[in-house]
Amino acid sequence: QVQLVESGGGLVQAGNSLRLSCAASGGTFSRYGMGWFRQAPGKERETVAAISKSGGKLYYADSAKGRFTISRDNAKNTVYLQMNSLKPEDTAVYYCAAALIVGGSWYYTEDENYDYWGQGTQVTVSS
């Protein structure tokens, strides 16, 4: 029902910035909470950030807090991840995902709760 396409990944030197975008189609974007996840080679997928349906509630992993900013533009059906002060340990494939949130939750932080996933975009940070 929902298709997600990430873009904006690439190779960047440590300390620099990158902005990832995730374009959604095929659903009502404003009904979904959105998340960014990443998976490095040989590592499990981890949650980076999440955002509520309206964009008013945010979650960041400790590793991202203070450096990364998640945002969304519901008029453009797009969610963003602004990544500043990048470190080599940020190197991973980054995925966006959409979750149909019901009940009293603002967002989900566990990947098992997400219903739709993009194909990912590679971010490589050199030292």
N, C-alpha and C. Protein backbone atom coordinates (compact mmCIF):
# COMPACT_ATOMS: atom_id res chain seq x y z
N GLN A 1 0.83 -1.20 0.00
CA GLN A 1 0.00 0.00 0.00
C GLN A 1 0.86 1.26 0.00
N VAL A 2 1.92 1.26 0.80
CA VAL A 2 2.80 2.42 0.92
C VAL A 2 4.16 2.06 0.35
N GLN A 3 4.66 2.92 -0.52
CA GLN A 3 6.00 2.78 -1.07
C GLN A 3 6.89 3.90 -0.55
N LEU A 4 8.10 3.54 -0.16
CA LEU A 4 9.04 4.49 0.41
C LEU A 4 10.35 4.43 -0.38
N VAL A 5 10.88 5.58 -0.73
CA VAL A 5 12.12 5.67 -1.49
C VAL A 5 13.05 6.65 -0.80
N GLU A 6 14.20 6.14 -0.33
CA GLU A 6 15.20 6.98 0.31
C GLU A 6 16.15 7.57 -0.72
N SER A 7 16.69 8.73 -0.39
CA SER A 7 17.71 9.35 -1.22
C SER A 7 18.58 10.24 -0.34
N GLY A 8 19.72 10.65 -0.87
CA GLY A 8 20.59 11.57 -0.18
C GLY A 8 21.83 10.97 0.43
N GLY A 9 21.96 9.65 0.38
CA GLY A 9 23.15 9.02 0.92
C GLY A 9 24.37 9.28 0.05
N GLY A 10 25.53 8.95 0.59
CA GLY A 10 26.76 9.15 -0.14
C GLY A 10 27.96 9.03 0.75
N LEU A 11 29.10 9.45 0.22
CA LEU A 11 30.37 9.43 0.93
C LEU A 11 30.68 10.82 1.45
N VAL A 12 30.99 10.91 2.73
CA VAL A 12 31.27 12.20 3.35
C VAL A 12 32.39 12.04 4.37
N GLN A 13 33.17 13.08 4.57
CA GLN A 13 34.23 13.05 5.56
C GLN A 13 33.67 13.29 6.95
N ALA A 14 34.32 12.72 7.94
CA ALA A 14 33.91 12.91 9.33
C ALA A 14 33.83 14.40 9.66
N GLY A 15 32.78 14.75 10.40
CA GLY A 15 32.54 16.13 10.77
C GLY A 15 31.61 16.87 9.84
N ASN A 16 31.37 16.33 8.67
CA ASN A 16 30.49 16.98 7.70
C ASN A 16 29.04 16.53 7.89
N SER A 17 28.16 17.03 7.04
CA SER A 17 26.73 16.81 7.17
C SER A 17 26.15 16.15 5.94
N LEU A 18 25.00 15.54 6.14
CA LEU A 18 24.27 14.89 5.07
C LEU A 18 22.78 14.97 5.41
N ARG A 19 21.95 15.13 4.40
CA ARG A 19 20.51 15.15 4.60
C ARG A 19 19.86 14.05 3.79
N LEU A 20 19.21 13.13 4.48
CA LEU A 20 18.49 12.05 3.83
C LEU A 20 17.03 12.42 3.66
N SER A 21 16.45 11.98 2.56
CA SER A 21 15.03 12.19 2.30
C SER A 21 14.36 10.86 2.06
N CYS A 22 13.10 10.78 2.41
CA CYS A 22 12.30 9.59 2.18
C CYS A 22 10.95 10.02 1.63
N ALA A 23 10.70 9.71 0.37
CA ALA A 23 9.46 10.07 -0.29
C ALA A 23 8.47 8.92 -0.21
N ALA A 24 7.26 9.21 0.23
CA ALA A 24 6.22 8.21 0.38
C ALA A 24 5.14 8.38 -0.66
N SER A 25 4.57 7.27 -1.08
CA SER A 25 3.46 7.29 -2.01
C SER A 25 2.57 6.08 -1.75
N GLY A 26 1.35 6.14 -2.25
CA GLY A 26 0.45 5.01 -2.17
C GLY A 26 -0.39 4.90 -0.91
N GLY A 27 -0.28 5.87 -0.02
CA GLY A 27 -1.03 5.87 1.21
C GLY A 27 -1.30 7.28 1.69
N THR A 28 -1.99 7.37 2.79
CA THR A 28 -2.23 8.67 3.42
C THR A 28 -1.10 8.94 4.40
N PHE A 29 -0.16 9.76 3.97
CA PHE A 29 1.10 9.95 4.70
C PHE A 29 0.87 10.41 6.13
N SER A 30 -0.09 11.29 6.34
CA SER A 30 -0.32 11.85 7.66
C SER A 30 -0.86 10.85 8.67
N ARG A 31 -1.24 9.67 8.23
CA ARG A 31 -1.72 8.63 9.14
C ARG A 31 -0.58 7.81 9.75
N TYR A 32 0.64 8.00 9.26
CA TYR A 32 1.75 7.15 9.65
C TYR A 32 2.78 7.87 10.48
N GLY A 33 3.20 7.21 11.55
CA GLY A 33 4.44 7.61 12.18
C GLY A 33 5.59 7.12 11.32
N MET A 34 6.70 7.82 11.36
CA MET A 34 7.84 7.50 10.51
C MET A 34 9.08 7.30 11.35
N GLY A 35 9.96 6.46 10.86
CA GLY A 35 11.21 6.20 11.55
C GLY A 35 12.37 6.07 10.59
N TRP A 36 13.55 6.33 11.10
CA TRP A 36 14.80 6.08 10.40
C TRP A 36 15.58 5.01 11.16
N PHE A 37 16.10 4.05 10.42
CA PHE A 37 16.87 2.95 10.97
C PHE A 37 18.16 2.82 10.18
N ARG A 38 19.13 2.14 10.75
CA ARG A 38 20.37 1.91 10.03
C ARG A 38 20.92 0.53 10.36
N GLN A 39 21.68 0.00 9.43
CA GLN A 39 22.31 -1.29 9.62
C GLN A 39 23.71 -1.25 9.03
N ALA A 40 24.69 -1.45 9.88
CA ALA A 40 26.07 -1.50 9.46
C ALA A 40 26.46 -2.94 9.16
N PRO A 41 27.50 -3.17 8.35
CA PRO A 41 27.92 -4.53 8.04
C PRO A 41 28.22 -5.34 9.30
N GLY A 42 27.63 -6.52 9.39
CA GLY A 42 27.85 -7.39 10.54
C GLY A 42 27.12 -6.98 11.79
N LYS A 43 26.28 -5.96 11.72
CA LYS A 43 25.55 -5.47 12.88
C LYS A 43 24.05 -5.63 12.68
N GLU A 44 23.32 -5.64 13.79
CA GLU A 44 21.87 -5.66 13.72
C GLU A 44 21.33 -4.28 13.36
N ARG A 45 20.14 -4.27 12.80
CA ARG A 45 19.50 -3.01 12.49
C ARG A 45 19.14 -2.28 13.78
N GLU A 46 19.35 -0.98 13.81
CA GLU A 46 19.06 -0.20 15.00
C GLU A 46 18.22 1.02 14.64
N THR A 47 17.42 1.43 15.60
CA THR A 47 16.60 2.61 15.44
C THR A 47 17.44 3.86 15.61
N VAL A 48 17.28 4.81 14.72
CA VAL A 48 18.01 6.08 14.79
C VAL A 48 17.10 7.19 15.31
N ALA A 49 15.91 7.32 14.75
CA ALA A 49 15.00 8.39 15.12
C ALA A 49 13.59 8.01 14.71
N ALA A 50 12.61 8.64 15.34
CA ALA A 50 11.21 8.44 14.99
C ALA A 50 10.46 9.75 15.18
N ILE A 51 9.35 9.87 14.46
CA ILE A 51 8.57 11.10 14.50
C ILE A 51 7.09 10.76 14.43
N SER A 52 6.28 11.50 15.18
CA SER A 52 4.85 11.26 15.23
C SER A 52 4.16 11.70 13.94
N LYS A 53 2.88 11.38 13.84
CA LYS A 53 2.13 11.67 12.62
C LYS A 53 2.13 13.14 12.25
N SER A 54 2.00 14.00 13.25
CA SER A 54 1.96 15.44 13.00
C SER A 54 3.34 16.08 13.02
N GLY A 55 4.34 15.34 13.46
CA GLY A 55 5.68 15.88 13.55
C GLY A 55 6.01 16.53 14.87
N GLY A 56 5.08 16.50 15.82
CA GLY A 56 5.29 17.20 17.07
C GLY A 56 6.05 16.44 18.14
N LYS A 57 6.12 15.13 18.01
CA LYS A 57 6.82 14.30 18.98
C LYS A 57 7.96 13.58 18.29
N LEU A 58 9.14 13.61 18.93
CA LEU A 58 10.35 13.09 18.31
C LEU A 58 11.06 12.13 19.25
N TYR A 59 11.73 11.17 18.67
CA TYR A 59 12.58 10.26 19.41
C TYR A 59 13.94 10.17 18.73
N TYR A 60 15.01 10.12 19.54
CA TYR A 60 16.34 9.93 19.01
C TYR A 60 17.08 8.89 19.84
N ALA A 61 17.80 8.03 19.17
CA ALA A 61 18.73 7.16 19.86
C ALA A 61 19.82 8.00 20.50
N ASP A 62 20.42 7.47 21.56
CA ASP A 62 21.49 8.21 22.22
C ASP A 62 22.62 8.56 21.26
N SER A 63 22.89 7.69 20.33
CA SER A 63 23.97 7.93 19.38
C SER A 63 23.67 9.07 18.41
N ALA A 64 22.38 9.39 18.25
CA ALA A 64 21.97 10.43 17.31
C ALA A 64 21.63 11.75 17.99
N LYS A 65 21.32 11.70 19.25
CA LYS A 65 20.86 12.87 19.98
C LYS A 65 21.89 14.00 19.93
N GLY A 66 21.44 15.18 19.57
CA GLY A 66 22.31 16.34 19.49
C GLY A 66 22.99 16.52 18.15
N ARG A 67 22.98 15.49 17.31
CA ARG A 67 23.62 15.56 16.00
C ARG A 67 22.63 15.41 14.85
N PHE A 68 21.61 14.58 15.05
CA PHE A 68 20.65 14.28 13.99
C PHE A 68 19.32 14.95 14.29
N THR A 69 18.60 15.30 13.23
CA THR A 69 17.27 15.88 13.36
C THR A 69 16.32 15.21 12.39
N ILE A 70 15.24 14.64 12.91
CA ILE A 70 14.21 14.06 12.06
C ILE A 70 13.09 15.09 11.90
N SER A 71 12.55 15.19 10.71
CA SER A 71 11.46 16.11 10.45
C SER A 71 10.59 15.53 9.34
N ARG A 72 9.41 16.10 9.16
CA ARG A 72 8.53 15.65 8.09
C ARG A 72 7.76 16.81 7.52
N ASP A 73 7.42 16.69 6.26
CA ASP A 73 6.58 17.66 5.56
C ASP A 73 5.42 16.88 4.98
N ASN A 74 4.30 16.91 5.67
CA ASN A 74 3.16 16.10 5.25
C ASN A 74 2.57 16.57 3.91
N ALA A 75 2.75 17.84 3.59
CA ALA A 75 2.29 18.35 2.30
C ALA A 75 3.09 17.76 1.15
N LYS A 76 4.34 17.38 1.42
CA LYS A 76 5.20 16.80 0.40
C LYS A 76 5.34 15.29 0.54
N ASN A 77 4.67 14.70 1.51
CA ASN A 77 4.76 13.25 1.76
C ASN A 77 6.21 12.80 1.92
N THR A 78 6.96 13.56 2.69
CA THR A 78 8.39 13.32 2.80
C THR A 78 8.84 13.44 4.25
N VAL A 79 9.73 12.54 4.65
CA VAL A 79 10.38 12.62 5.94
C VAL A 79 11.88 12.78 5.70
N TYR A 80 12.55 13.53 6.58
CA TYR A 80 13.95 13.86 6.41
C TYR A 80 14.75 13.42 7.63
N LEU A 81 16.02 13.21 7.40
CA LEU A 81 16.97 13.01 8.49
C LEU A 81 18.19 13.88 8.21
N GLN A 82 18.32 14.96 8.96
CA GLN A 82 19.49 15.81 8.86
C GLN A 82 20.56 15.27 9.79
N MET A 83 21.71 14.96 9.25
CA MET A 83 22.80 14.35 10.01
C MET A 83 23.99 15.31 10.00
N ASN A 84 24.33 15.82 11.17
CA ASN A 84 25.46 16.72 11.32
C ASN A 84 26.56 16.04 12.13
N SER A 85 27.75 16.59 12.05
CA SER A 85 28.90 16.08 12.80
C SER A 85 29.05 14.58 12.65
N LEU A 86 29.01 14.13 11.42
CA LEU A 86 29.03 12.69 11.15
C LEU A 86 30.34 12.06 11.60
N LYS A 87 30.23 10.83 12.08
CA LYS A 87 31.35 10.05 12.56
C LYS A 87 31.47 8.78 11.75
N PRO A 88 32.66 8.18 11.69
CA PRO A 88 32.80 6.92 10.96
C PRO A 88 31.83 5.84 11.43
N GLU A 89 31.49 5.82 12.70
CA GLU A 89 30.56 4.83 13.20
C GLU A 89 29.13 5.04 12.73
N ASP A 90 28.86 6.15 12.06
CA ASP A 90 27.56 6.37 11.44
C ASP A 90 27.43 5.65 10.11
N THR A 91 28.51 5.09 9.61
CA THR A 91 28.48 4.38 8.34
C THR A 91 27.52 3.21 8.40
N ALA A 92 26.56 3.18 7.49
CA ALA A 92 25.54 2.14 7.47
C ALA A 92 24.63 2.36 6.28
N VAL A 93 23.78 1.38 6.03
CA VAL A 93 22.65 1.58 5.13
C VAL A 93 21.51 2.14 5.97
N TYR A 94 20.96 3.26 5.54
CA TYR A 94 19.89 3.92 6.27
C TYR A 94 18.55 3.64 5.61
N TYR A 95 17.58 3.23 6.41
CA TYR A 95 16.25 2.90 5.93
C TYR A 95 15.21 3.80 6.58
N CYS A 96 14.23 4.20 5.81
CA CYS A 96 13.05 4.83 6.40
C CYS A 96 11.93 3.81 6.44
N ALA A 97 11.01 4.00 7.37
CA ALA A 97 9.91 3.07 7.54
C ALA A 97 8.68 3.82 8.03
N ALA A 98 7.52 3.26 7.73
CA ALA A 98 6.24 3.85 8.10
C ALA A 98 5.46 2.89 8.98
N ALA A 99 4.84 3.43 10.01
CA ALA A 99 4.03 2.65 10.94
C ALA A 99 2.65 3.26 11.09
N LEU A 100 1.63 2.45 10.89
CA LEU A 100 0.27 2.88 11.15
C LEU A 100 0.06 2.81 12.65
N ILE A 101 0.04 3.96 13.29
CA ILE A 101 0.01 4.04 14.75
C ILE A 101 -1.43 4.13 15.23
N VAL A 102 -1.76 3.26 16.16
CA VAL A 102 -3.09 3.27 16.78
C VAL A 102 -2.91 3.30 18.29
N GLY A 103 -3.96 3.63 18.98
CA GLY A 103 -3.91 3.68 20.43
C GLY A 103 -3.28 4.96 20.93
N GLY A 104 -2.60 4.86 22.06
CA GLY A 104 -2.06 6.03 22.72
C GLY A 104 -0.61 6.35 22.44
N SER A 105 0.00 5.70 21.47
CA SER A 105 1.41 5.94 21.16
C SER A 105 1.58 7.11 20.21
N TRP A 106 2.62 7.91 20.45
CA TRP A 106 2.99 8.97 19.53
C TRP A 106 3.85 8.43 18.38
N TYR A 107 4.70 7.49 18.68
CA TYR A 107 5.59 6.89 17.72
C TYR A 107 6.02 5.53 18.24
N TYR A 108 6.66 4.73 17.38
CA TYR A 108 7.23 3.46 17.78
C TYR A 108 8.74 3.53 17.63
N THR A 109 9.44 2.88 18.52
CA THR A 109 10.90 2.85 18.47
C THR A 109 11.44 1.48 18.07
N GLU A 110 10.60 0.47 18.02
CA GLU A 110 11.03 -0.88 17.66
C GLU A 110 10.67 -1.16 16.21
N ASP A 111 11.62 -1.73 15.47
CA ASP A 111 11.40 -1.94 14.04
C ASP A 111 10.29 -2.93 13.75
N GLU A 112 9.99 -3.82 14.70
CA GLU A 112 8.93 -4.80 14.50
C GLU A 112 7.56 -4.16 14.38
N ASN A 113 7.42 -2.92 14.81
CA ASN A 113 6.14 -2.23 14.76
C ASN A 113 5.91 -1.48 13.45
N TYR A 114 6.89 -1.47 12.57
CA TYR A 114 6.77 -0.74 11.31
C TYR A 114 6.26 -1.64 10.20
N ASP A 115 5.40 -1.09 9.38
CA ASP A 115 4.67 -1.86 8.38
C ASP A 115 5.29 -1.80 6.99
N TYR A 116 5.92 -0.68 6.65
CA TYR A 116 6.45 -0.47 5.31
C TYR A 116 7.87 0.05 5.40
N TRP A 117 8.71 -0.42 4.47
CA TRP A 117 10.13 -0.10 4.48
C TRP A 117 10.62 0.31 3.10
N GLY A 118 11.56 1.24 3.09
CA GLY A 118 12.25 1.56 1.86
C GLY A 118 13.39 0.59 1.61
N GLN A 119 14.07 0.77 0.48
CA GLN A 119 15.18 -0.10 0.11
C GLN A 119 16.51 0.30 0.72
N GLY A 120 16.59 1.50 1.26
CA GLY A 120 17.78 1.94 1.93
C GLY A 120 18.69 2.79 1.06
N THR A 121 19.50 3.60 1.72
CA THR A 121 20.50 4.41 1.05
C THR A 121 21.80 4.34 1.85
N GLN A 122 22.91 4.17 1.14
CA GLN A 122 24.20 3.97 1.80
C GLN A 122 24.78 5.29 2.25
N VAL A 123 25.21 5.33 3.51
CA VAL A 123 25.95 6.47 4.05
C VAL A 123 27.31 5.96 4.50
N THR A 124 28.36 6.55 3.96
CA THR A 124 29.72 6.17 4.32
C THR A 124 30.46 7.40 4.81
N VAL A 125 31.00 7.31 6.02
CA VAL A 125 31.71 8.42 6.64
C VAL A 125 33.17 8.02 6.78
N SER A 126 34.05 8.74 6.14
CA SER A 126 35.47 8.45 6.18
C SER A 126 36.14 9.26 7.28
N SER A 127 37.18 8.71 7.87
CA SER A 127 37.91 9.37 8.94
C SER A 127 39.07 10.18 8.42
